Protein backbone atom coordinates (compact mmCIF):
# COMPACT_ATOMS: atom_id res chain seq x y z
CA MET A 1 35.66 8.04 23.00
CA LYS A 2 32.50 7.86 25.13
CA MET A 3 31.16 11.34 24.47
CA ASN A 4 27.38 11.50 24.91
CA LEU A 5 24.62 14.03 24.35
CA GLU A 6 24.19 14.85 28.03
CA GLN A 7 27.84 15.86 28.26
CA LEU A 8 27.55 18.00 25.13
CA ARG A 9 24.36 19.62 26.43
CA GLY A 10 26.10 20.50 29.68
CA PHE A 11 29.13 21.88 27.81
CA VAL A 12 26.95 24.08 25.57
CA GLU A 13 24.97 25.46 28.53
CA ILE A 14 28.16 26.33 30.41
CA ALA A 15 29.62 28.00 27.30
CA GLN A 16 26.45 30.08 26.86
CA LEU A 17 26.08 31.11 30.51
CA GLY A 18 29.78 31.28 31.47
CA HIS A 19 28.98 29.74 34.84
CA PHE A 20 28.75 26.17 36.20
CA THR A 21 26.14 26.85 38.86
CA ARG A 22 23.70 28.68 36.58
CA ALA A 23 24.15 26.02 33.88
CA ALA A 24 23.42 23.29 36.44
CA GLU A 25 20.26 25.10 37.52
CA ARG A 26 19.13 25.43 33.88
CA LEU A 27 19.68 21.70 33.34
CA HIS A 28 18.10 20.73 36.69
CA LEU A 29 21.33 19.07 37.81
CA ALA A 30 23.42 19.32 40.93
CA GLN A 31 26.51 21.42 40.25
CA PRO A 32 28.93 18.59 41.23
CA SER A 33 27.17 16.25 38.74
CA LEU A 34 27.63 18.76 35.93
CA SER A 35 31.29 19.26 36.88
CA ARG A 36 31.86 15.48 36.72
CA GLN A 37 30.20 15.34 33.26
CA ILE A 38 32.56 18.00 31.91
CA SER A 39 35.61 16.44 33.53
CA THR A 40 34.72 13.08 32.00
CA LEU A 41 34.17 14.69 28.59
CA GLU A 42 37.56 16.42 28.76
CA ALA A 43 39.23 13.17 29.81
CA ASP A 44 37.57 11.25 26.97
CA LEU A 45 38.56 13.87 24.38
CA GLY A 46 42.04 14.33 25.83
CA VAL A 47 41.80 18.13 25.82
CA GLU A 48 40.83 20.92 28.21
CA LEU A 49 37.60 22.63 27.08
CA LEU A 50 37.04 25.24 29.78
CA HIS A 51 39.17 27.69 31.79
CA ARG A 52 37.82 27.95 35.34
CA VAL A 53 38.84 31.27 36.89
CA ARG A 54 37.27 32.64 40.12
CA GLY A 55 33.87 31.14 39.46
CA ASN A 56 33.74 32.26 35.86
CA VAL A 57 34.28 30.02 32.87
CA ALA A 58 35.89 30.72 29.49
CA LEU A 59 36.38 28.47 26.49
CA THR A 60 39.81 27.16 25.62
CA PRO A 61 40.80 27.01 21.92
CA ALA A 62 39.64 23.35 21.91
CA GLY A 63 36.35 24.40 23.52
CA GLU A 64 35.83 27.05 20.84
CA ARG A 65 36.31 24.40 18.13
CA LEU A 66 33.96 21.97 19.83
CA LEU A 67 31.12 24.43 20.53
CA PRO A 68 29.64 24.72 16.98
CA ILE A 69 30.06 20.98 16.47
CA ALA A 70 28.28 20.25 19.75
CA ARG A 71 25.42 22.58 18.80
CA ARG A 72 24.99 20.81 15.45
CA MET A 73 25.02 17.40 17.12
CA LEU A 74 22.38 18.46 19.65
CA ALA A 75 20.26 19.99 16.88
CA ASP A 76 20.53 16.77 14.83
CA ALA A 77 19.55 14.73 17.87
CA GLU A 78 16.50 16.94 18.42
CA THR A 79 15.54 16.64 14.76
CA ALA A 80 15.87 12.87 14.98
CA ARG A 81 13.65 12.82 18.07
CA HIS A 82 10.96 14.87 16.32
CA GLU A 83 11.19 12.73 13.19
CA MET A 84 10.78 9.53 15.18
CA THR A 85 7.89 11.00 17.15
CA ASP A 86 6.17 11.96 13.91
CA LEU A 87 6.63 8.43 12.59
CA ALA A 88 5.39 6.87 15.81
CA GLU A 89 2.32 9.10 15.81
CA LEU A 90 1.71 8.62 12.05
CA ARG A 91 2.27 12.28 11.21
CA ARG A 92 5.01 11.48 8.71
CA GLY A 93 6.29 8.47 6.84
CA ARG A 94 6.36 6.71 3.49
CA ILE A 95 4.76 3.51 2.24
CA ARG A 96 5.58 1.68 -0.98
CA LEU A 97 2.33 0.09 -2.16
CA GLY A 98 1.94 -2.11 -5.21
CA ALA A 99 -1.38 -2.87 -6.89
CA THR A 100 -2.69 -4.28 -10.14
CA PRO A 101 -4.04 -1.79 -12.71
CA THR A 102 -7.70 -2.73 -12.23
CA LEU A 103 -7.40 -2.44 -8.45
CA CYS A 104 -5.76 0.99 -8.82
CA THR A 105 -8.87 2.27 -10.59
CA SER A 106 -11.30 0.75 -8.10
CA LEU A 107 -10.42 -0.48 -4.60
CA VAL A 108 -7.08 1.34 -4.27
CA ALA A 109 -8.59 4.72 -5.15
CA ASP A 110 -11.08 4.34 -2.28
CA VAL A 111 -8.34 3.15 0.08
CA LEU A 112 -6.02 6.07 -0.69
CA ALA A 113 -8.81 8.62 -0.30
CA ALA A 114 -9.70 7.25 3.15
CA PHE A 115 -6.05 6.94 4.21
CA ARG A 116 -5.13 10.48 3.12
CA ASP A 117 -8.05 11.91 5.06
CA ARG A 118 -6.79 10.18 8.19
CA TYR A 119 -3.01 10.43 7.74
CA PRO A 120 -2.25 13.36 5.39
CA GLY A 121 1.43 13.51 6.30
CA ILE A 122 2.25 9.99 5.11
CA GLU A 123 3.49 9.70 1.54
CA ILE A 124 2.42 6.69 -0.52
CA GLU A 125 4.43 5.55 -3.54
CA ILE A 126 2.39 3.42 -5.95
CA LEU A 127 3.80 0.70 -8.20
CA GLU A 128 1.16 -0.35 -10.74
CA ARG A 129 2.00 -3.77 -12.17
CA GLY A 130 0.62 -7.24 -12.69
CA SER A 131 0.54 -9.60 -9.72
CA ARG A 132 3.61 -11.55 -10.85
CA SER A 133 5.71 -8.37 -11.05
CA LEU A 134 4.40 -7.17 -7.68
CA ILE A 135 5.28 -10.48 -6.06
CA ALA A 136 8.83 -10.21 -7.44
CA ALA A 137 9.11 -6.66 -6.09
CA LEU A 138 7.97 -7.81 -2.65
CA VAL A 139 10.51 -10.64 -2.63
CA GLU A 140 13.26 -8.15 -3.55
CA GLY A 141 12.18 -5.79 -0.75
CA ALA A 142 11.16 -3.02 -3.18
CA LEU A 143 7.61 -2.84 -1.79
CA ASP A 144 6.12 -2.74 1.70
CA LEU A 145 2.67 -4.02 0.72
CA ALA A 146 0.93 -5.19 -2.44
CA LEU A 147 -2.66 -5.82 -3.44
CA ILE A 148 -2.65 -8.81 -5.75
CA VAL A 149 -5.29 -10.92 -7.47
CA THR A 150 -3.42 -14.18 -7.90
CA SER A 151 -1.97 -16.98 -5.81
CA VAL A 152 1.74 -17.57 -5.27
CA SER A 153 3.36 -20.79 -6.34
CA SER A 154 7.14 -20.39 -6.56
CA GLY A 155 9.06 -21.77 -3.61
CA ALA A 156 11.17 -18.63 -3.13
CA ALA A 157 8.11 -16.39 -2.89
CA ARG A 158 6.16 -18.82 -0.71
CA ALA A 159 9.00 -18.86 1.80
CA VAL A 160 8.99 -15.09 2.40
CA LEU A 161 5.51 -13.84 1.52
CA GLU A 162 2.33 -13.74 3.55
CA ARG A 163 -1.02 -13.31 1.80
CA GLU A 164 -4.20 -12.15 3.52
CA GLN A 165 -7.33 -12.59 1.44
CA ILE A 166 -9.71 -9.65 1.89
CA LEU A 167 -12.49 -9.98 -0.68
CA SER A 168 -13.74 -11.94 -3.65
CA GLU A 169 -15.45 -10.25 -6.59
CA ARG A 170 -17.54 -11.78 -9.35
CA LEU A 171 -16.74 -11.30 -13.01
CA VAL A 172 -19.36 -9.48 -15.06
CA VAL A 173 -20.03 -8.74 -18.73
CA VAL A 174 -20.11 -5.12 -19.91
CA SER A 175 -21.66 -3.93 -23.17
CA ASP A 176 -22.97 -0.86 -25.01
CA PRO A 177 -26.26 0.22 -23.38
CA THR A 178 -27.38 2.10 -26.51
CA ARG A 179 -27.67 -1.16 -28.46
CA PRO A 180 -30.03 -4.09 -27.80
CA ASP A 181 -28.89 -6.40 -25.02
CA PRO A 182 -26.59 -8.93 -26.74
CA PHE A 183 -28.12 -11.71 -24.63
CA GLY A 184 -31.75 -10.82 -25.42
CA ARG A 185 -32.61 -9.96 -21.86
CA ASP A 186 -34.38 -6.74 -22.85
CA GLU A 187 -36.60 -8.32 -25.49
CA THR A 188 -40.36 -8.12 -25.14
CA GLY A 189 -41.59 -11.09 -23.20
CA SER A 190 -38.25 -11.81 -21.55
CA GLU A 191 -38.91 -13.80 -18.38
CA ASP A 192 -36.10 -12.13 -16.44
CA PRO A 193 -34.43 -9.04 -17.93
CA ASP A 194 -31.87 -9.07 -15.08
CA ARG A 195 -30.93 -12.74 -15.24
CA PRO A 196 -27.22 -13.71 -15.17
CA VAL A 197 -25.49 -14.65 -18.41
CA GLU A 198 -24.57 -18.29 -19.09
CA LEU A 199 -21.15 -19.08 -20.53
CA GLU A 200 -22.73 -20.72 -23.57
CA GLU A 201 -24.53 -17.43 -24.32
CA LEU A 202 -21.37 -15.46 -23.78
CA ALA A 203 -19.42 -17.69 -26.17
CA ARG A 204 -21.81 -16.82 -29.03
CA VAL A 205 -21.38 -13.05 -28.65
CA PRO A 206 -18.36 -11.17 -30.10
CA GLN A 207 -15.92 -10.41 -27.31
CA VAL A 208 -13.07 -8.05 -26.57
CA VAL A 209 -10.51 -10.22 -24.77
CA PHE A 210 -7.34 -9.45 -22.83
CA PRO A 211 -3.81 -10.72 -23.55
CA GLU A 212 -3.30 -14.43 -22.92
CA ASN A 213 -1.17 -13.87 -19.82
CA TYR A 214 -3.89 -11.94 -17.96
CA ASP A 215 -5.41 -13.80 -15.03
CA LEU A 216 -8.89 -12.80 -16.21
CA ARG A 217 -8.24 -14.22 -19.66
CA VAL A 218 -6.79 -17.42 -18.22
CA THR A 219 -9.78 -17.88 -15.89
CA VAL A 220 -12.44 -17.27 -18.54
CA ASP A 221 -10.66 -19.39 -21.18
CA ALA A 222 -10.45 -22.28 -18.70
CA ALA A 223 -14.17 -21.97 -18.00
CA PHE A 224 -14.96 -22.08 -21.72
CA ARG A 225 -12.82 -25.20 -22.18
CA ALA A 226 -14.52 -26.88 -19.24
CA ARG A 227 -17.90 -26.29 -20.92
CA GLY A 228 -16.60 -27.47 -24.30
CA VAL A 229 -17.34 -24.17 -26.06
CA THR A 230 -15.19 -21.79 -28.10
CA PRO A 231 -15.75 -18.04 -27.67
CA LEU A 232 -16.32 -15.69 -30.58
CA VAL A 233 -13.48 -13.13 -30.45
CA ALA A 234 -13.85 -9.66 -31.98
CA VAL A 235 -10.66 -8.07 -30.61
CA GLU A 236 -7.79 -9.78 -28.79
CA GLY A 237 -4.99 -8.33 -26.66
CA ALA A 238 -6.72 -5.18 -25.40
CA GLU A 239 -5.68 -3.65 -22.07
CA MET A 240 -8.44 -2.83 -19.56
CA ASP A 241 -9.12 0.79 -20.53
CA ALA A 242 -9.17 -0.10 -24.21
CA ALA A 243 -11.43 -3.12 -23.61
CA LEU A 244 -13.94 -0.94 -21.73
CA SER A 245 -13.84 1.67 -24.48
CA PHE A 246 -14.36 -0.95 -27.19
CA ALA A 247 -17.25 -2.49 -25.27
CA GLY A 248 -18.81 0.95 -24.86
CA ARG A 249 -18.65 1.45 -28.65
CA GLY A 250 -20.41 -1.83 -29.34
CA ILE A 251 -17.38 -3.58 -30.85
CA GLY A 252 -17.86 -6.51 -28.50
CA VAL A 253 -18.65 -7.38 -24.91
CA ALA A 254 -15.90 -7.64 -22.26
CA VAL A 255 -15.62 -9.71 -19.10
CA VAL A 256 -14.29 -7.54 -16.27
CA PRO A 257 -14.23 -7.53 -12.44
CA ALA A 258 -17.38 -6.21 -10.73
CA MET A 259 -15.59 -3.29 -9.04
CA VAL A 260 -14.20 -2.10 -12.36
CA ALA A 261 -17.66 -2.20 -13.95
CA ALA A 262 -19.11 -0.25 -11.00
CA ASP A 263 -16.88 2.69 -11.91
CA ARG A 264 -18.27 2.69 -15.49
CA PRO A 265 -21.98 3.42 -15.00
CA MET A 266 -22.28 4.32 -18.70
CA LEU A 267 -21.88 0.62 -19.56
CA ARG A 268 -24.53 -2.09 -19.29
CA THR A 269 -23.46 -4.68 -16.73
CA ALA A 270 -24.62 -8.28 -16.44
CA PRO A 271 -23.30 -10.84 -13.95
CA LEU A 272 -22.08 -14.21 -15.14
CA ALA A 273 -24.24 -17.10 -13.99
CA ASP A 274 -21.23 -19.16 -12.89
CA ALA A 275 -20.40 -17.82 -9.41
CA ALA A 276 -17.02 -19.58 -9.60
CA LEU A 277 -15.95 -17.01 -12.19
CA SER A 278 -14.50 -14.59 -9.68
CA ARG A 279 -11.16 -13.34 -8.42
CA THR A 280 -9.81 -13.00 -4.90
CA VAL A 281 -8.02 -9.83 -3.81
CA SER A 282 -5.27 -10.25 -1.23
CA ILE A 283 -2.85 -8.11 0.75
CA ALA A 284 0.67 -9.49 0.37
CA ARG A 285 3.79 -8.59 2.33
CA ARG A 286 7.10 -10.10 3.41
CA VAL A 287 6.59 -12.27 6.46
CA ASP A 288 10.16 -11.69 7.65
CA MET A 289 9.77 -7.89 7.84
CA ALA A 290 7.67 -6.45 10.64
CA PRO A 291 5.27 -3.84 9.24
CA THR A 292 5.83 -0.24 10.26
CA ARG A 293 3.03 1.56 12.10
CA ALA A 294 2.18 3.33 8.86
CA CYS A 295 1.93 0.04 6.96
CA ALA A 296 -0.21 -1.47 9.70
CA ALA A 297 -2.49 1.57 9.52
CA LEU A 298 -2.79 1.20 5.74
CA GLN A 299 -3.66 -2.48 6.08
CA ALA A 300 -6.38 -1.53 8.58
CA VAL A 301 -7.83 1.01 6.13
CA ILE A 302 -7.79 -1.59 3.34
CA ARG A 303 -9.81 -3.93 5.55
CA GLU A 304 -12.23 -1.13 6.44
CA VAL A 305 -12.83 -0.32 2.77
CA ALA A 306 -13.31 -4.01 2.01
CA ASP A 307 -15.87 -4.20 4.82
CA ARG A 308 -17.69 -1.16 3.44
CA VAL A 309 -17.76 -2.47 -0.15
CA THR A 310 -19.13 -5.83 0.96
CA ALA A 311 -21.53 -4.63 3.68
CA PRO A 312 -25.19 -5.74 3.36
CA GLY A 313 -27.00 -3.19 1.23
CA ALA A 314 -23.83 -1.87 -0.43
CA GLU A 315 -24.06 -1.35 -4.19
CA LEU A 316 -21.87 -4.37 -4.96
CA SER A 317 -22.76 -6.59 -2.00
CA ASN A 318 -24.30 -9.19 -4.35
CA LEU A 319 -21.15 -9.33 -6.48
CA VAL A 320 -18.33 -8.66 -3.99
CA THR A 321 -18.00 -10.67 -0.78
CA ARG A 322 -15.69 -10.38 2.20
CA VAL A 323 -13.15 -13.14 2.67
CA GLY A 324 -11.82 -14.18 6.09
CA GLY A 325 -8.53 -12.55 6.99
CA ALA A 326 -6.44 -15.69 7.48
CA ALA A 327 -2.93 -15.01 6.22
CA GLU A 328 -1.06 -17.65 4.29
CA ALA A 329 1.97 -17.99 2.01
CA ARG A 330 1.37 -18.06 -1.73
CA SER A 331 3.26 -17.23 -5.00
CA ALA A 332 3.32 -16.11 -8.64
CA ALA A 333 1.02 -16.77 -11.60
CA PRO A 334 -0.03 -15.09 -14.89
CA ARG A 335 -0.30 -11.35 -15.01
CA PRO A 336 -3.73 -10.04 -13.97
CA ALA A 337 -5.70 -7.23 -15.53
């Protein structure tokens, strides 16, 4: 059966108007062309659809059965056309975005606000997990994009994932501003009340630390080992929100990403002196799946927000820097905060 939409459209017009010539005029076709379409349709279906009597047309029993079906098919085709147009013009669509918890409360919130203003008809589904879980979801095809803060090392992930680094942010120390500065920077006679904190100083102050499988914990612990110092731990295993709350109550200081600290102005923030104590944020996606127009638009907004956060004069420009957009394959590591 080679039935097509043009044949069905011609059949429906003839059924509605009861006349070949008027139907041909409505469809902007020559009457012989329309007659050939209907003859071909009848031959393909193996039934007669129309009675032709003295210039007038009536439906046969087969034509009466086909008419509502043809109308539904034409309506579905029109709906499909509108749906595809909406997708092509970014009026509708759906994106599955993964992000780590700390990025959801900082960078991602800014990205979604900007994206929704520009493309309000596109739905975004968020999966909030650690980088390792997000990488697995990307490999399985459960996500379109992910914002991760780790590299990728497994062979399976490296083969199918592409990672575009977008920015690097310093790690900072947050503490209770109602108590004296734990590093003595606010003492009378201090040479530089805004100076960065050395790791040796940090190790001597009670800390609220994350679970051992957090990237932040792994990074800071490695830095302590490299300096040959052992940190003083007040609370271990806290998640990010709890760690910030504990730090705000003076239980201990916490080492967190700069963008997270920026959203907690009620906390005292001090940068770490070691600039190497930072994390890189990347956009990850499957290299073997071409991004939809909606995904490409979201990636563009992510880059725009990264540019804005790192622009000269921006609030965090001294702690967050833009990274070149070269894409490369990477893979999984410990779970980030």
